Protein backbone atom coordinates (compact mmCIF):
# COMPACT_ATOMS: atom_id res chain seq x y z
CA UNK A 1 96.41 72.64 99.18
CA UNK A 2 94.90 74.99 101.77
CA UNK A 3 94.78 77.87 99.27
CA UNK A 4 92.68 75.83 96.87
CA UNK A 5 90.08 74.93 99.50
CA UNK A 6 89.91 78.55 100.70
CA UNK A 7 89.31 79.71 97.14
CA UNK A 8 86.61 77.06 96.67
CA UNK A 9 84.93 78.16 99.90
CA UNK A 10 85.03 81.82 98.83
CA UNK A 11 83.58 80.97 95.43
CA UNK A 12 80.81 78.89 97.02
CA UNK A 13 79.94 81.77 99.35
CA UNK A 14 79.95 84.22 96.45
CA UNK A 15 77.68 81.87 94.49
CA UNK A 16 75.21 81.70 97.37
CA UNK A 17 75.16 85.49 97.65
CA UNK A 18 74.69 85.88 93.90
CA UNK A 19 71.82 83.39 93.96
CA UNK A 20 70.06 85.27 96.76
CA UNK A 21 70.58 88.62 95.04
CA UNK A 22 69.12 87.29 91.77
CA UNK A 23 66.17 85.69 93.56
CA UNK A 24 65.47 88.94 95.45
CA UNK A 25 65.67 90.97 92.24
CA UNK A 26 63.27 88.55 90.54
CA UNK A 27 60.84 88.74 93.45
CA UNK A 28 60.92 92.55 93.38
CA UNK A 29 60.28 92.55 89.62
CA UNK A 30 57.34 90.16 89.99
CA UNK A 31 55.79 92.40 92.66
CA UNK A 32 56.38 95.50 90.53
CA UNK A 33 54.70 93.74 87.61
CA UNK A 34 51.41 93.93 89.50
CA UNK A 35 51.99 97.47 90.85
CA UNK A 36 53.24 99.38 87.80
CA UNK A 37 51.04 99.55 84.73
CA UNK A 38 52.83 98.95 81.45
CA UNK A 39 51.43 100.53 78.31
CA UNK A 40 51.63 97.80 75.70
CA UNK A 41 51.31 98.22 71.97
CA UNK A 42 48.86 95.31 71.78
CA UNK A 43 46.36 93.95 74.31
CA UNK A 44 48.45 90.83 75.04
CA UNK A 45 51.26 92.99 76.42
CA UNK A 46 49.00 94.18 79.23
CA UNK A 47 48.68 90.62 80.61
CA UNK A 48 50.67 90.29 83.86
CA UNK A 49 54.04 88.55 83.41
CA UNK A 50 53.61 88.53 79.63
CA UNK A 51 57.24 89.51 78.87
CA UNK A 52 58.60 86.69 81.05
CA UNK A 53 56.30 84.06 79.59
CA UNK A 54 56.92 85.29 76.04
CA UNK A 55 60.70 85.22 76.55
CA UNK A 56 60.54 81.69 77.98
CA UNK A 57 58.45 80.43 75.05
CA UNK A 58 60.80 82.04 72.52
CA UNK A 59 63.83 80.57 74.30
CA UNK A 60 62.31 77.09 74.17
CA UNK A 61 61.44 77.60 70.49
CA UNK A 62 65.04 78.60 69.71
CA UNK A 63 66.42 75.50 71.46
CA UNK A 64 63.95 73.16 69.77
CA UNK A 65 64.60 74.84 66.41
CA UNK A 66 68.32 74.34 66.93
CA UNK A 67 67.78 70.65 67.62
CA UNK A 68 65.75 70.30 64.41
CA UNK A 69 68.36 72.22 62.40
CA UNK A 70 71.10 70.01 63.78
CA UNK A 71 69.23 66.91 62.67
CA UNK A 72 68.74 68.41 59.20
CA UNK A 73 72.21 69.89 58.62
CA UNK A 74 74.47 67.61 60.68
CA UNK A 75 77.03 65.66 58.69
CA UNK A 76 78.48 62.30 59.63
CA UNK A 77 81.70 62.35 61.66
CA UNK A 78 83.69 60.98 58.72
CA UNK A 79 82.13 63.29 56.09
CA UNK A 80 85.43 65.00 55.22
CA UNK A 81 87.67 61.94 55.57
CA UNK A 82 89.36 60.57 52.49
CA UNK A 83 88.09 57.16 51.54
């Protein structure tokens, strides 16, 4: 049983390190967003943090679209059962 708890502790520690590394990388990228000038194709791309906001909005749209498609295309549980 000791091996299982050691492995859980190692995984928890690795998860904490990974979280801090990802948060640090995100913070660096946010700072660089205001330091480095991007040359966008359209004016909206020059807005600070535009790619992050755009990606979040598209992600939400995909999830909501999937929910709507599921409601439209979902069959009943017994659709293929012989009656």
